Protein backbone atom coordinates (compact mmCIF):
# COMPACT_ATOMS: atom_id res chain seq x y z
CA MET A 1 0.08 -0.05 -0.09
CA THR A 2 1.85 3.20 -1.33
CA LEU A 3 0.26 6.85 0.42
CA SER A 4 1.26 10.20 -0.71
CA ALA A 5 0.07 13.51 -0.75
CA THR A 6 1.45 16.84 -1.44
CA ASP A 7 1.25 20.55 -1.31
CA PRO A 8 3.38 22.45 -4.06
CA THR A 9 1.87 25.67 -2.79
CA ALA A 10 3.13 25.29 1.02
CA LYS A 11 6.30 23.41 -0.59
CA ILE A 12 5.35 19.77 1.79
CA GLY A 13 4.71 16.27 0.81
CA LEU A 14 4.65 12.89 2.15
CA THR A 15 5.25 9.53 0.32
CA LEU A 16 4.88 6.83 2.81
CA SER A 17 5.06 2.78 1.66
CA CYS A 18 3.07 0.39 4.13
CA GLN A 19 2.97 -3.13 4.49
CA PRO A 20 0.30 -5.13 6.67
CA LEU A 21 2.07 -6.80 9.72
CA LYS A 22 -1.28 -8.96 10.80
CA PRO A 23 -4.28 -9.88 8.51
CA LEU A 24 -7.44 -7.42 8.28
CA THR A 25 -9.36 -6.83 10.87
CA LEU A 26 -13.21 -6.63 10.63
CA GLN A 27 -14.82 -4.38 13.29
CA GLY A 28 -18.23 -4.99 14.74
CA ASN A 29 -20.46 -7.99 13.84
CA LYS A 30 -18.39 -9.71 10.85
CA GLY A 31 -17.31 -6.09 9.30
CA LEU A 32 -21.17 -4.31 10.69
CA SER A 33 -20.43 -1.58 13.21
CA ARG A 34 -23.55 -0.78 14.64
CA LYS A 35 -23.92 2.22 16.00
CA SER A 36 -27.43 2.65 17.67
CA ALA A 37 -30.34 0.34 18.22
CA THR A 38 -31.64 2.38 15.08
CA PRO A 39 -32.11 0.27 12.04
CA GLY A 40 -29.87 1.23 9.27
CA ASN A 41 -27.70 2.67 11.92
CA ALA A 42 -24.38 1.11 11.38
CA SER A 43 -20.90 1.50 9.34
CA HIS A 44 -19.48 -1.17 7.31
CA TYR A 45 -15.99 -1.09 9.07
CA TYR A 46 -12.45 -2.73 8.45
CA SER A 47 -8.88 -2.04 9.96
CA PHE A 48 -5.06 -3.13 9.10
CA THR A 49 -4.06 -2.30 12.60
CA ARG A 50 -0.68 -2.58 12.37
CA LEU A 51 1.97 -1.56 9.33
CA GLU A 52 5.35 -1.26 8.70
CA THR A 53 6.21 1.58 7.28
CA LYS A 54 8.38 3.73 5.64
CA GLY A 55 8.64 6.75 3.39
CA GLN A 56 9.86 10.27 3.05
CA LEU A 57 9.14 13.38 4.46
CA GLU A 58 9.74 16.92 2.01
CA ILE A 59 9.48 20.26 3.72
CA ASP A 60 10.80 23.67 1.54
CA GLY A 61 12.87 20.78 -0.75
CA LYS A 62 14.09 19.54 2.00
CA LYS A 63 13.40 15.55 1.53
CA ILE A 64 13.72 13.38 5.22
CA PRO A 65 13.46 9.85 5.93
CA VAL A 66 11.33 8.46 8.18
CA THR A 67 9.89 4.98 9.74
CA GLY A 68 7.47 3.70 11.72
CA LEU A 69 4.13 2.20 12.67
CA SER A 70 0.93 2.74 11.09
CA TRP A 71 -2.75 1.82 11.42
CA PHE A 72 -5.23 1.90 8.68
CA ASP A 73 -9.08 2.63 9.06
CA HIS A 74 -11.72 2.04 6.11
CA GLU A 75 -15.46 3.03 7.74
CA PHE A 76 -18.28 4.12 5.22
CA SER A 77 -22.29 4.20 6.26
CA THR A 78 -25.09 6.22 5.02
CA SER A 79 -25.49 7.84 8.17
CA ALA A 80 -23.72 8.74 10.93
CA LEU A 81 -25.41 8.96 14.17
CA ALA A 82 -28.75 8.65 15.47
CA GLU A 83 -30.71 11.49 16.27
CA ASN A 84 -30.42 11.14 20.27
CA GLN A 85 -26.89 11.00 19.82
CA GLU A 86 -24.29 13.84 20.00
CA GLY A 87 -21.06 12.43 19.07
CA TRP A 88 -18.67 9.86 19.31
CA ASP A 89 -15.19 9.56 21.19
CA TRP A 90 -12.75 7.10 19.32
CA PHE A 91 -9.49 5.64 19.90
CA CYS A 92 -7.09 3.01 18.26
CA LEU A 93 -3.85 1.99 20.03
CA GLN A 94 -0.94 0.10 19.42
CA PHE A 95 1.12 -1.44 22.16
CA ASP A 96 4.93 -2.15 22.09
CA SER A 97 4.02 -5.78 23.47
CA GLY A 98 2.23 -6.29 19.54
CA GLU A 99 -1.56 -6.07 20.35
CA GLU A 100 -3.97 -3.10 19.45
CA LEU A 101 -6.90 -2.28 20.96
CA MET A 102 -9.78 -0.34 19.30
CA LEU A 103 -12.46 1.37 21.61
CA TYR A 104 -15.79 3.38 19.85
CA ARG A 105 -17.61 5.26 22.41
CA MET A 106 -20.96 6.39 21.17
CA ARG A 107 -22.51 9.55 23.21
CA ASN A 108 -26.12 10.53 24.39
CA PRO A 109 -27.17 13.40 25.65
CA GLY A 110 -26.26 14.28 29.22
CA ASN A 111 -22.24 12.40 28.02
CA GLN A 112 -24.08 9.01 28.25
CA THR A 113 -22.54 5.49 26.95
CA ASP A 114 -24.78 3.86 24.25
CA PRO A 115 -25.46 0.61 24.63
CA ALA A 116 -24.12 0.48 20.95
CA SER A 117 -20.66 1.02 22.12
CA SER A 118 -17.96 -1.39 20.99
CA GLY A 119 -14.42 -2.26 20.91
CA THR A 120 -11.95 -5.19 19.63
CA TRP A 121 -9.16 -6.59 21.09
CA ILE A 122 -6.04 -7.88 18.43
CA PRO A 123 -3.96 -10.34 20.08
CA VAL A 124 -0.37 -10.87 18.65
CA GLN A 125 -1.52 -13.60 16.98
CA GLY A 126 -4.92 -15.27 16.30
CA PRO A 127 -8.17 -13.89 16.08
CA SER A 128 -9.47 -10.54 17.18
CA SER A 129 -11.90 -10.48 20.13
CA SER A 130 -15.25 -8.21 20.31
CA LEU A 131 -15.80 -5.98 23.03
CA GLN A 132 -19.49 -4.48 23.92
CA SER A 133 -19.78 -1.26 25.82
CA SER A 134 -20.18 -3.20 29.26
CA ASP A 135 -16.52 -4.19 28.67
CA PHE A 136 -14.33 -0.98 28.88
CA THR A 137 -14.73 2.31 30.66
CA ILE A 138 -13.39 5.94 29.06
CA THR A 139 -13.23 8.74 31.61
CA PRO A 140 -11.82 11.59 30.84
CA ILE A 141 -9.04 13.67 33.02
CA ASP A 142 -8.95 16.98 32.19
CA THR A 143 -10.40 19.24 29.59
CA TRP A 144 -8.90 22.05 26.86
CA LYS A 145 -11.01 25.08 25.32
CA THR A 146 -10.21 26.34 21.43
CA THR A 147 -9.90 29.78 20.97
CA SER A 148 -12.97 29.35 19.19
CA GLY A 149 -14.74 28.26 22.62
CA ALA A 150 -14.85 24.79 21.77
CA THR A 151 -14.12 22.44 24.90
CA TYR A 152 -12.81 18.85 24.32
CA PRO A 153 -11.94 16.45 26.89
CA SER A 154 -8.26 15.91 27.09
CA GLY A 155 -6.74 12.97 28.43
CA TRP A 156 -8.68 9.81 29.79
CA LYS A 157 -8.67 6.54 31.64
CA ILE A 158 -9.28 3.58 30.27
CA SER A 159 -10.43 0.14 31.59
CA VAL A 160 -10.98 -3.09 29.93
CA PRO A 161 -11.32 -5.24 33.06
CA SER A 162 -11.96 -8.45 31.01
CA LEU A 163 -8.47 -8.17 29.57
CA HIS A 164 -7.22 -6.54 32.93
CA LEU A 165 -5.78 -3.57 31.11
CA SER A 166 -5.84 0.23 32.65
CA GLY A 167 -4.09 3.19 31.77
CA GLU A 168 -3.89 6.56 30.79
CA VAL A 169 -4.63 8.18 27.12
CA GLN A 170 -2.65 11.46 26.81
CA PRO A 171 -2.32 13.86 23.75
CA LEU A 172 0.77 14.67 22.68
CA LEU A 173 -0.29 18.04 21.12
CA LEU A 174 -3.17 19.71 23.17
CA ASP A 175 -4.33 21.85 19.75
CA GLN A 176 -4.85 19.06 17.37
CA GLU A 177 -8.26 20.34 16.41
CA LEU A 178 -9.34 19.89 12.38
CA GLN A 179 -11.35 22.63 10.92
CA LEU A 180 -12.83 21.47 7.63
CA LYS A 181 -14.91 24.87 6.49
CA ARG A 182 -14.27 23.69 2.92
CA THR A 183 -15.95 19.93 3.09
CA ALA A 184 -18.07 18.39 5.20
CA LYS A 185 -17.91 21.82 7.53
CA ILE A 186 -17.50 20.40 10.87
CA ARG A 187 -14.96 20.73 13.20
CA TYR A 188 -13.65 18.16 15.52
CA TRP A 189 -10.48 16.73 17.61
CA GLU A 190 -7.92 14.72 16.22
CA GLY A 191 -4.69 13.52 16.94
CA ALA A 192 -1.84 11.66 18.14
CA CYS A 193 -2.00 10.64 21.49
CA SER A 194 0.25 8.28 23.81
CA PHE A 195 -0.53 5.29 26.51
CA THR A 196 1.12 4.31 29.47
CA GLY A 197 -0.71 1.87 31.90
CA THR A 198 -0.49 -2.23 33.16
CA GLN A 199 -2.12 -5.17 31.96
CA LYS A 200 -1.55 -8.05 34.37
CA GLY A 201 -0.02 -6.10 36.33
CA LYS A 202 2.62 -5.78 33.84
CA PRO A 203 3.64 -2.29 32.34
CA LEU A 204 1.98 -1.54 29.14
CA ALA A 205 3.23 1.06 26.91
CA GLY A 206 2.01 2.40 23.41
CA ARG A 207 0.78 5.28 21.15
CA GLY A 208 -2.57 6.10 19.21
CA TYR A 209 -4.98 8.12 18.24
CA THR A 210 -8.38 9.70 19.03
CA GLU A 211 -10.91 11.30 17.31
CA LEU A 212 -13.52 13.24 19.36
CA THR A 213 -16.72 14.54 17.44
CA GLY A 214 -19.76 16.94 18.78
CA TYR A 215 -18.34 19.06 20.97
CA ALA A 216 -17.59 21.89 18.91
CA SER A 217 -21.23 21.37 17.60
CA PRO A 218 -23.25 18.85 16.87
CA ILE A 219 -22.78 16.47 13.52
CA GLY A 220 -24.86 17.33 11.21
CA GLN A 221 -25.18 20.98 11.90
CA GLY A 222 -22.21 22.44 10.30
CA MET A 223 -19.66 24.62 11.54
CA LYS A 224 -20.42 27.75 13.40
CA GLU A 225 -18.32 30.70 12.48
């Protein structure tokens, strides 16, 4: 898999070559990820959770070699949320021990967790395991307020008792808000994070990505200038 993006005006570019280290993961029920009890409110969703990645970053004509691990998601649907839902908190985590964890928390009014929230545990080898909303908790630690007035949770305690896993997710940078004025016309937070915690009493560390929607304005209402 090769990914490439360039902006000649800004004089920046990125080219990556990604090789899956694990088989494709089908999220939800064989790739169907339900988002609420409303019929049809679901997505088709699959992931490559660990890809060996190498490539080149170009800034002002200077070419910089880069290497690392990537996570590739593809999710598509005809509806994003049920009428009573306000947004979602999504996490993908790659652990240094070789496993991965995806958590998808759908939010109802009052910041309540929708029962359709779900997750997936991907071991070093073997089949993945599905998680239900009752299998995990995500608790915000702090908040961060943008200059435009939106307030996002910032830092989270995560617990998955069935996996004997718990720890903290922290953003690597507070300001990772995206403002899509020309396309989707929404504003949301999406950025790189770190994880520190334990599993079965042993230290566990990793890195990941977090997506937070519905905090600046409900999905579907567009951006407030």
